[in-house]
Amino acid sequence: MQDFSSIFAAAFGLIASGDADLLEIVGLSLRVTLTAVAMACLIGLPLGAMVGAFRFPGRGAVTLLLNALMGLPPVFVGLLVYVML
């Protein structure tokens, strides 16, 4: 138990001290995350509204595909995107 408490104390010490490296890492992580969320919203919200509001041929297949894709584990999707880059 001593190890965990010393690890957490060191982590909180870095946060409280305003360590420049830690703040840079956190800032980059937040920028990447917010950019990904913004891009997903710009693409996903209009397409989702279109699938939900309009009737078109193949709507059932699109709904089935989207529901199936939501069942994929995030780690698999992340690795797939990483390989495609």
PDB file of N, CA and C in Angstrom:
ATOM      1  N   MET A   1       0.808  -1.188   0.000  1.00  0.00           N
ATOM      2  CA  MET A   1       0.000   0.000   0.000  1.00  0.00           C
ATOM      3  C   MET A   1       0.860   1.266   0.000  1.00  0.00           C
ATOM      4  N   GLN A   2       2.027   1.165   0.541  1.00  0.00           N
ATOM      5  CA  GLN A   2       2.946   2.301   0.584  1.00  0.00           C
ATOM      6  C   GLN A   2       3.315   2.742  -0.832  1.00  0.00           C
ATOM      7  N   ASP A   3       3.455   1.792  -1.756  1.00  0.00           N
ATOM      8  CA  ASP A   3       3.836   2.135  -3.122  1.00  0.00           C
ATOM      9  C   ASP A   3       2.768   2.978  -3.801  1.00  0.00           C
ATOM     10  N   PHE A   4       1.500   2.574  -3.644  1.00  0.00           N
ATOM     11  CA  PHE A   4       0.422   3.321  -4.280  1.00  0.00           C
ATOM     12  C   PHE A   4       0.321   4.733  -3.718  1.00  0.00           C
ATOM     13  N   SER A   5       0.454   4.874  -2.434  1.00  0.00           N
ATOM     14  CA  SER A   5       0.344   6.211  -1.845  1.00  0.00           C
ATOM     15  C   SER A   5       1.503   7.102  -2.292  1.00  0.00           C
ATOM     16  N   SER A   6       2.691   6.544  -2.430  1.00  0.00           N
ATOM     17  CA  SER A   6       3.815   7.363  -2.895  1.00  0.00           C
ATOM     18  C   SER A   6       3.660   7.726  -4.367  1.00  0.00           C
ATOM     19  N   ILE A   7       3.091   6.820  -5.150  1.00  0.00           N
ATOM     20  CA  ILE A   7       2.852   7.110  -6.571  1.00  0.00           C
ATOM     21  C   ILE A   7       1.826   8.226  -6.716  1.00  0.00           C
ATOM     22  N   PHE A   8       0.720   8.123  -5.970  1.00  0.00           N
ATOM     23  CA  PHE A   8      -0.303   9.160  -6.041  1.00  0.00           C
ATOM     24  C   PHE A   8       0.216  10.494  -5.504  1.00  0.00           C
ATOM     25  N   ALA A   9       1.033  10.450  -4.478  1.00  0.00           N
ATOM     26  CA  ALA A   9       1.614  11.686  -3.947  1.00  0.00           C
ATOM     27  C   ALA A   9       2.510  12.349  -4.988  1.00  0.00           C
ATOM     28  N   ALA A  10       3.299  11.553  -5.697  1.00  0.00           N
ATOM     29  CA  ALA A  10       4.164  12.103  -6.748  1.00  0.00           C
ATOM     30  C   ALA A  10       3.335  12.679  -7.892  1.00  0.00           C
ATOM     31  N   ALA A  11       2.261  11.980  -8.267  1.00  0.00           N
ATOM     32  CA  ALA A  11       1.402  12.460  -9.354  1.00  0.00           C
ATOM     33  C   ALA A  11       0.726  13.773  -8.976  1.00  0.00           C
ATOM     34  N   PHE A  12       0.165  13.828  -7.797  1.00  0.00           N
ATOM     35  CA  PHE A  12      -0.478  15.066  -7.360  1.00  0.00           C
ATOM     36  C   PHE A  12       0.541  16.185  -7.163  1.00  0.00           C
ATOM     37  N   GLY A  13       1.757  15.831  -6.791  1.00  0.00           N
ATOM     38  CA  GLY A  13       2.816  16.828  -6.687  1.00  0.00           C
ATOM     39  C   GLY A  13       3.142  17.448  -8.035  1.00  0.00           C
ATOM     40  N   LEU A  14       3.181  16.626  -9.083  1.00  0.00           N
ATOM     41  CA  LEU A  14       3.422  17.146 -10.434  1.00  0.00           C
ATOM     42  C   LEU A  14       2.288  18.060 -10.879  1.00  0.00           C
ATOM     43  N   ILE A  15       1.057  17.648 -10.592  1.00  0.00           N
ATOM     44  CA  ILE A  15      -0.092  18.465 -10.984  1.00  0.00           C
ATOM     45  C   ILE A  15      -0.081  19.790 -10.235  1.00  0.00           C
ATOM     46  N   ALA A  16       0.139  19.728  -8.939  1.00  0.00           N
ATOM     47  CA  ALA A  16       0.101  20.937  -8.115  1.00  0.00           C
ATOM     48  C   ALA A  16       1.252  21.886  -8.428  1.00  0.00           C
ATOM     49  N   SER A  17       2.395  21.349  -8.825  1.00  0.00           N
ATOM     50  CA  SER A  17       3.551  22.209  -9.090  1.00  0.00           C
ATOM     51  C   SER A  17       3.466  22.902 -10.439  1.00  0.00           C
ATOM     52  N   GLY A  18       2.541  22.457 -11.302  1.00  0.00           N
ATOM     53  CA  GLY A  18       2.439  23.064 -12.627  1.00  0.00           C
ATOM     54  C   GLY A  18       3.618  22.706 -13.505  1.00  0.00           C
ATOM     55  N   ASP A  19       4.059  21.463 -13.446  1.00  0.00           N
ATOM     56  CA  ASP A  19       5.196  20.977 -14.229  1.00  0.00           C
ATOM     57  C   ASP A  19       4.965  21.264 -15.712  1.00  0.00           C
ATOM     58  N   ALA A  20       5.920  21.895 -16.367  1.00  0.00           N
ATOM     59  CA  ALA A  20       5.772  22.317 -17.762  1.00  0.00           C
ATOM     60  C   ALA A  20       5.577  21.129 -18.695  1.00  0.00           C
ATOM     61  N   ASP A  21       6.322  20.057 -18.497  1.00  0.00           N
ATOM     62  CA  ASP A  21       6.182  18.884 -19.361  1.00  0.00           C
ATOM     63  C   ASP A  21       4.797  18.266 -19.216  1.00  0.00           C
ATOM     64  N   LEU A  22       4.324  18.163 -17.996  1.00  0.00           N
ATOM     65  CA  LEU A  22       3.002  17.588 -17.758  1.00  0.00           C
ATOM     66  C   LEU A  22       1.916  18.450 -18.388  1.00  0.00           C
ATOM     67  N   LEU A  23       2.016  19.764 -18.224  1.00  0.00           N
ATOM     68  CA  LEU A  23       1.018  20.657 -18.813  1.00  0.00           C
ATOM     69  C   LEU A  23       1.040  20.593 -20.333  1.00  0.00           C
ATOM     70  N   GLU A  24       2.221  20.429 -20.922  1.00  0.00           N
ATOM     71  CA  GLU A  24       2.319  20.294 -22.379  1.00  0.00           C
ATOM     72  C   GLU A  24       1.645  19.006 -22.847  1.00  0.00           C
ATOM     73  N   ILE A  25       1.869  17.926 -22.129  1.00  0.00           N
ATOM     74  CA  ILE A  25       1.266  16.640 -22.482  1.00  0.00           C
ATOM     75  C   ILE A  25      -0.252  16.711 -22.356  1.00  0.00           C
ATOM     76  N   VAL A  26      -0.728  17.270 -21.262  1.00  0.00           N
ATOM     77  CA  VAL A  26      -2.170  17.383 -21.045  1.00  0.00           C
ATOM     78  C   VAL A  26      -2.792  18.299 -22.094  1.00  0.00           C
ATOM     79  N   GLY A  27      -2.120  19.398 -22.411  1.00  0.00           N
ATOM     80  CA  GLY A  27      -2.629  20.317 -23.423  1.00  0.00           C
ATOM     81  C   GLY A  27      -2.731  19.671 -24.794  1.00  0.00           C
ATOM     82  N   LEU A  28      -1.712  18.920 -25.179  1.00  0.00           N
ATOM     83  CA  LEU A  28      -1.747  18.229 -26.468  1.00  0.00           C
ATOM     84  C   LEU A  28      -2.865  17.195 -26.495  1.00  0.00           C
ATOM     85  N   SER A  29      -3.013  16.463 -25.415  1.00  0.00           N
ATOM     86  CA  SER A  29      -4.068  15.458 -25.338  1.00  0.00           C
ATOM     87  C   SER A  29      -5.447  16.103 -25.459  1.00  0.00           C
ATOM     88  N   LEU A  30      -5.648  17.220 -24.788  1.00  0.00           N
ATOM     89  CA  LEU A  30      -6.933  17.914 -24.876  1.00  0.00           C
ATOM     90  C   LEU A  30      -7.178  18.471 -26.273  1.00  0.00           C
ATOM     91  N   ARG A  31      -6.145  19.018 -26.906  1.00  0.00           N
ATOM     92  CA  ARG A  31      -6.313  19.538 -28.268  1.00  0.00           C
ATOM     93  C   ARG A  31      -6.701  18.433 -29.238  1.00  0.00           C
ATOM     94  N   VAL A  32      -6.015  17.298 -29.166  1.00  0.00           N
ATOM     95  CA  VAL A  32      -6.321  16.178 -30.064  1.00  0.00           C
ATOM     96  C   VAL A  32      -7.737  15.677 -29.811  1.00  0.00           C
ATOM     97  N   THR A  33      -8.103  15.538 -28.540  1.00  0.00           N
ATOM     98  CA  THR A  33      -9.429  15.039 -28.197  1.00  0.00           C
ATOM     99  C   THR A  33     -10.515  15.987 -28.672  1.00  0.00           C
ATOM    100  N   LEU A  34     -10.360  17.273 -28.406  1.00  0.00           N
ATOM    101  CA  LEU A  34     -11.380  18.237 -28.811  1.00  0.00           C
ATOM    102  C   LEU A  34     -11.474  18.358 -30.330  1.00  0.00           C
ATOM    103  N   THR A  35     -10.358  18.237 -31.030  1.00  0.00           N
ATOM    104  CA  THR A  35     -10.390  18.246 -32.491  1.00  0.00           C
ATOM    105  C   THR A  35     -11.142  17.036 -33.024  1.00  0.00           C
ATOM    106  N   ALA A  36     -10.898  15.869 -32.445  1.00  0.00           N
ATOM    107  CA  ALA A  36     -11.592  14.659 -32.878  1.00  0.00           C
ATOM    108  C   ALA A  36     -13.087  14.751 -32.602  1.00  0.00           C
ATOM    109  N   VAL A  37     -13.458  15.289 -31.453  1.00  0.00           N
ATOM    110  CA  VAL A  37     -14.877  15.438 -31.122  1.00  0.00           C
ATOM    111  C   VAL A  37     -15.541  16.428 -32.072  1.00  0.00           C
ATOM    112  N   ALA A  38     -14.875  17.534 -32.367  1.00  0.00           N
ATOM    113  CA  ALA A  38     -15.440  18.525 -33.283  1.00  0.00           C
ATOM    114  C   ALA A  38     -15.629  17.941 -34.679  1.00  0.00           C
ATOM    115  N   MET A  39     -14.627  17.205 -35.160  1.00  0.00           N
ATOM    116  CA  MET A  39     -14.752  16.596 -36.489  1.00  0.00           C
ATOM    117  C   MET A  39     -15.866  15.561 -36.513  1.00  0.00           C
ATOM    118  N   ALA A  40     -15.971  14.760 -35.464  1.00  0.00           N
ATOM    119  CA  ALA A  40     -17.024  13.750 -35.404  1.00  0.00           C
ATOM    120  C   ALA A  40     -18.399  14.401 -35.368  1.00  0.00           C
ATOM    121  N   CYS A  41     -18.527  15.504 -34.641  1.00  0.00           N
ATOM    122  CA  CYS A  41     -19.815  16.197 -34.581  1.00  0.00           C
ATOM    123  C   CYS A  41     -20.174  16.822 -35.927  1.00  0.00           C
ATOM    124  N   LEU A  42     -19.192  17.426 -36.580  1.00  0.00           N
ATOM    125  CA  LEU A  42     -19.459  18.051 -37.875  1.00  0.00           C
ATOM    126  C   LEU A  42     -19.900  17.037 -38.922  1.00  0.00           C
ATOM    127  N   ILE A  43     -19.368  15.833 -38.842  1.00  0.00           N
ATOM    128  CA  ILE A  43     -19.732  14.795 -39.806  1.00  0.00           C
ATOM    129  C   ILE A  43     -20.950  14.013 -39.334  1.00  0.00           C
ATOM    130  N   GLY A  44     -20.951  13.622 -38.068  1.00  0.00           N
ATOM    131  CA  GLY A  44     -21.956  12.693 -37.572  1.00  0.00           C
ATOM    132  C   GLY A  44     -23.325  13.281 -37.329  1.00  0.00           C
ATOM    133  N   LEU A  45     -23.393  14.494 -36.806  1.00  0.00           N
ATOM    134  CA  LEU A  45     -24.700  15.068 -36.491  1.00  0.00           C
ATOM    135  C   LEU A  45     -25.562  15.295 -37.738  1.00  0.00           C
ATOM    136  N   PRO A  46     -25.035  15.909 -38.799  1.00  0.00           N
ATOM    137  CA  PRO A  46     -25.876  16.054 -39.995  1.00  0.00           C
ATOM    138  C   PRO A  46     -26.255  14.709 -40.631  1.00  0.00           C
ATOM    139  N   LEU A  47     -25.305  13.773 -40.672  1.00  0.00           N
ATOM    140  CA  LEU A  47     -25.630  12.467 -41.253  1.00  0.00           C
ATOM    141  C   LEU A  47     -26.645  11.718 -40.396  1.00  0.00           C
ATOM    142  N   GLY A  48     -26.511  11.801 -39.080  1.00  0.00           N
ATOM    143  CA  GLY A  48     -27.471  11.158 -38.189  1.00  0.00           C
ATOM    144  C   GLY A  48     -28.853  11.765 -38.309  1.00  0.00           C
ATOM    145  N   ALA A  49     -28.916  13.077 -38.427  1.00  0.00           N
ATOM    146  CA  ALA A  49     -30.206  13.740 -38.612  1.00  0.00           C
ATOM    147  C   ALA A  49     -30.831  13.336 -39.941  1.00  0.00           C
ATOM    148  N   MET A  50     -29.999  13.193 -40.967  1.00  0.00           N
ATOM    149  CA  MET A  50     -30.513  12.794 -42.272  1.00  0.00           C
ATOM    150  C   MET A  50     -31.056  11.365 -42.235  1.00  0.00           C
ATOM    151  N   VAL A  51     -30.329  10.459 -41.597  1.00  0.00           N
ATOM    152  CA  VAL A  51     -30.796   9.071 -41.503  1.00  0.00           C
ATOM    153  C   VAL A  51     -32.063   8.998 -40.662  1.00  0.00           C
ATOM    154  N   GLY A  52     -32.156   9.817 -39.624  1.00  0.00           N
ATOM    155  CA  GLY A  52     -33.318   9.784 -38.753  1.00  0.00           C
ATOM    156  C   GLY A  52     -34.539  10.473 -39.321  1.00  0.00           C
ATOM    157  N   ALA A  53     -34.348  11.481 -40.158  1.00  0.00           N
ATOM    158  CA  ALA A  53     -35.470  12.294 -40.609  1.00  0.00           C
ATOM    159  C   ALA A  53     -36.009  11.900 -41.977  1.00  0.00           C
ATOM    160  N   PHE A  54     -35.185  11.353 -42.836  1.00  0.00           N
ATOM    161  CA  PHE A  54     -35.606  11.096 -44.210  1.00  0.00           C
ATOM    162  C   PHE A  54     -35.718   9.605 -44.480  1.00  0.00           C
ATOM    163  N   ARG A  55     -36.636   9.263 -45.343  1.00  0.00           N
ATOM    164  CA  ARG A  55     -36.785   7.882 -45.815  1.00  0.00           C
ATOM    165  C   ARG A  55     -36.125   7.793 -47.188  1.00  0.00           C
ATOM    166  N   PHE A  56     -35.247   6.822 -47.351  1.00  0.00           N
ATOM    167  CA  PHE A  56     -34.564   6.637 -48.629  1.00  0.00           C
ATOM    168  C   PHE A  56     -34.266   5.161 -48.806  1.00  0.00           C
ATOM    169  N   PRO A  57     -34.060   4.710 -50.053  1.00  0.00           N
ATOM    170  CA  PRO A  57     -33.749   3.301 -50.274  1.00  0.00           C
ATOM    171  C   PRO A  57     -32.418   2.937 -49.606  1.00  0.00           C
ATOM    172  N   GLY A  58     -32.412   1.840 -48.898  1.00  0.00           N
ATOM    173  CA  GLY A  58     -31.210   1.402 -48.215  1.00  0.00           C
ATOM    174  C   GLY A  58     -31.078   1.950 -46.804  1.00  0.00           C
ATOM    175  N   ARG A  59     -32.111   2.639 -46.320  1.00  0.00           N
ATOM    176  CA  ARG A  59     -32.049   3.222 -44.975  1.00  0.00           C
ATOM    177  C   ARG A  59     -31.889   2.144 -43.913  1.00  0.00           C
ATOM    178  N   GLY A  60     -32.568   1.026 -44.106  1.00  0.00           N
ATOM    179  CA  GLY A  60     -32.448  -0.078 -43.152  1.00  0.00           C
ATOM    180  C   GLY A  60     -31.034  -0.641 -43.114  1.00  0.00           C
ATOM    181  N   ALA A  61     -30.414  -0.757 -44.288  1.00  0.00           N
ATOM    182  CA  ALA A  61     -29.042  -1.268 -44.343  1.00  0.00           C
ATOM    183  C   ALA A  61     -28.069  -0.291 -43.691  1.00  0.00           C
ATOM    184  N   VAL A  62     -28.279   0.998 -43.900  1.00  0.00           N
ATOM    185  CA  VAL A  62     -27.417   2.005 -43.274  1.00  0.00           C
ATOM    186  C   VAL A  62     -27.570   1.954 -41.758  1.00  0.00           C
ATOM    187  N   THR A  63     -28.809   1.837 -41.286  1.00  0.00           N
ATOM    188  CA  THR A  63     -29.053   1.742 -39.844  1.00  0.00           C
ATOM    189  C   THR A  63     -28.412   0.486 -39.272  1.00  0.00           C
ATOM    190  N   LEU A  64     -28.544  -0.629 -39.972  1.00  0.00           N
ATOM    191  CA  LEU A  64     -27.931  -1.879 -39.524  1.00  0.00           C
ATOM    192  C   LEU A  64     -26.407  -1.751 -39.463  1.00  0.00           C
ATOM    193  N   LEU A  65     -25.814  -1.153 -40.478  1.00  0.00           N
ATOM    194  CA  LEU A  65     -24.361  -0.967 -40.505  1.00  0.00           C
ATOM    195  C   LEU A  65     -23.891  -0.065 -39.364  1.00  0.00           C
ATOM    196  N   LEU A  66     -24.601   1.036 -39.143  1.00  0.00           N
ATOM    197  CA  LEU A  66     -24.214   1.955 -38.070  1.00  0.00           C
ATOM    198  C   LEU A  66     -24.335   1.295 -36.703  1.00  0.00           C
ATOM    199  N   ASN A  67     -25.401   0.528 -36.491  1.00  0.00           N
ATOM    200  CA  ASN A  67     -25.557  -0.181 -35.218  1.00  0.00           C
ATOM    201  C   ASN A  67     -24.463  -1.226 -35.030  1.00  0.00           C
ATOM    202  N   ALA A  68     -24.085  -1.905 -36.103  1.00  0.00           N
ATOM    203  CA  ALA A  68     -23.024  -2.910 -36.008  1.00  0.00           C
ATOM    204  C   ALA A  68     -21.677  -2.253 -35.710  1.00  0.00           C
ATOM    205  N   LEU A  69     -21.411  -1.109 -36.329  1.00  0.00           N
ATOM    206  CA  LEU A  69     -20.141  -0.416 -36.094  1.00  0.00           C
ATOM    207  C   LEU A  69     -20.037   0.111 -34.666  1.00  0.00           C
ATOM    208  N   MET A  70     -21.173   0.455 -34.052  1.00  0.00           N
ATOM    209  CA  MET A  70     -21.132   0.929 -32.665  1.00  0.00           C
ATOM    210  C   MET A  70     -20.760  -0.184 -31.697  1.00  0.00           C
ATOM    211  N   GLY A  71     -20.867  -1.434 -32.136  1.00  0.00           N
ATOM    212  CA  GLY A  71     -20.509  -2.555 -31.282  1.00  0.00           C
ATOM    213  C   GLY A  71     -19.033  -2.905 -31.312  1.00  0.00           C
ATOM    214  N   LEU A  72     -18.266  -2.258 -32.185  1.00  0.00           N
ATOM    215  CA  LEU A  72     -16.830  -2.552 -32.257  1.00  0.00           C
ATOM    216  C   LEU A  72     -16.106  -1.965 -31.048  1.00  0.00           C
ATOM    217  N   PRO A  73     -15.133  -2.681 -30.532  1.00  0.00           N
ATOM    218  CA  PRO A  73     -14.356  -2.142 -29.408  1.00  0.00           C
ATOM    219  C   PRO A  73     -13.545  -0.916 -29.842  1.00  0.00           C
ATOM    220  N   PRO A  74     -13.482   0.112 -29.007  1.00  0.00           N
ATOM    221  CA  PRO A  74     -12.733   1.325 -29.364  1.00  0.00           C
ATOM    222  C   PRO A  74     -11.254   1.066 -29.647  1.00  0.00           C
ATOM    223  N   VAL A  75     -10.663   0.103 -28.971  1.00  0.00           N
ATOM    224  CA  VAL A  75      -9.245  -0.192 -29.209  1.00  0.00           C
ATOM    225  C   VAL A  75      -9.054  -0.710 -30.630  1.00  0.00           C
ATOM    226  N   PHE A  76      -9.952  -1.560 -31.091  1.00  0.00           N
ATOM    227  CA  PHE A  76      -9.865  -2.085 -32.454  1.00  0.00           C
ATOM    228  C   PHE A  76     -10.002  -0.957 -33.468  1.00  0.00           C
ATOM    229  N   VAL A  77     -10.954  -0.070 -33.264  1.00  0.00           N
ATOM    230  CA  VAL A  77     -11.152   1.043 -34.190  1.00  0.00           C
ATOM    231  C   VAL A  77      -9.928   1.959 -34.182  1.00  0.00           C
ATOM    232  N   GLY A  78      -9.366   2.215 -33.011  1.00  0.00           N
ATOM    233  CA  GLY A  78      -8.166   3.039 -32.922  1.00  0.00           C
ATOM    234  C   GLY A  78      -6.995   2.424 -33.653  1.00  0.00           C
ATOM    235  N   LEU A  79      -6.804   1.121 -33.492  1.00  0.00           N
ATOM    236  CA  LEU A  79      -5.723   0.442 -34.209  1.00  0.00           C
ATOM    237  C   LEU A  79      -5.956   0.463 -35.713  1.00  0.00           C
ATOM    238  N   LEU A  80      -7.197   0.294 -36.129  1.00  0.00           N
ATOM    239  CA  LEU A  80      -7.525   0.329 -37.549  1.00  0.00           C
ATOM    240  C   LEU A  80      -7.220   1.704 -38.141  1.00  0.00           C
ATOM    241  N   VAL A  81      -7.608   2.755 -37.443  1.00  0.00           N
ATOM    242  CA  VAL A  81      -7.314   4.115 -37.915  1.00  0.00           C
ATOM    243  C   VAL A  81      -5.809   4.351 -37.941  1.00  0.00           C
ATOM    244  N   TYR A  82      -5.101   3.878 -36.925  1.00  0.00           N
ATOM    245  CA  TYR A  82      -3.646   4.041 -36.871  1.00  0.00           C
ATOM    246  C   TYR A  82      -2.978   3.340 -38.049  1.00  0.00           C
ATOM    247  N   VAL A  83      -3.443   2.144 -38.390  1.00  0.00           N
ATOM    248  CA  VAL A  83      -2.859   1.402 -39.510  1.00  0.00           C
ATOM    249  C   VAL A  83      -3.167   2.110 -40.826  1.00  0.00           C
ATOM    250  N   MET A  84      -4.354   2.700 -40.943  1.00  0.00           N
ATOM    251  CA  MET A  84      -4.726   3.388 -42.180  1.00  0.00           C
ATOM    252  C   MET A  84      -3.940   4.684 -42.370  1.00  0.00           C
ATOM    253  N   LEU A  85      -3.446   5.263 -41.290  1.00  0.00           N
ATOM    254  CA  LEU A  85      -2.653   6.495 -41.423  1.00  0.00           C
ATOM    255  C   LEU A  85      -1.275   6.136 -41.906  1.00  0.00           C
TER     256      LEU A  85
END
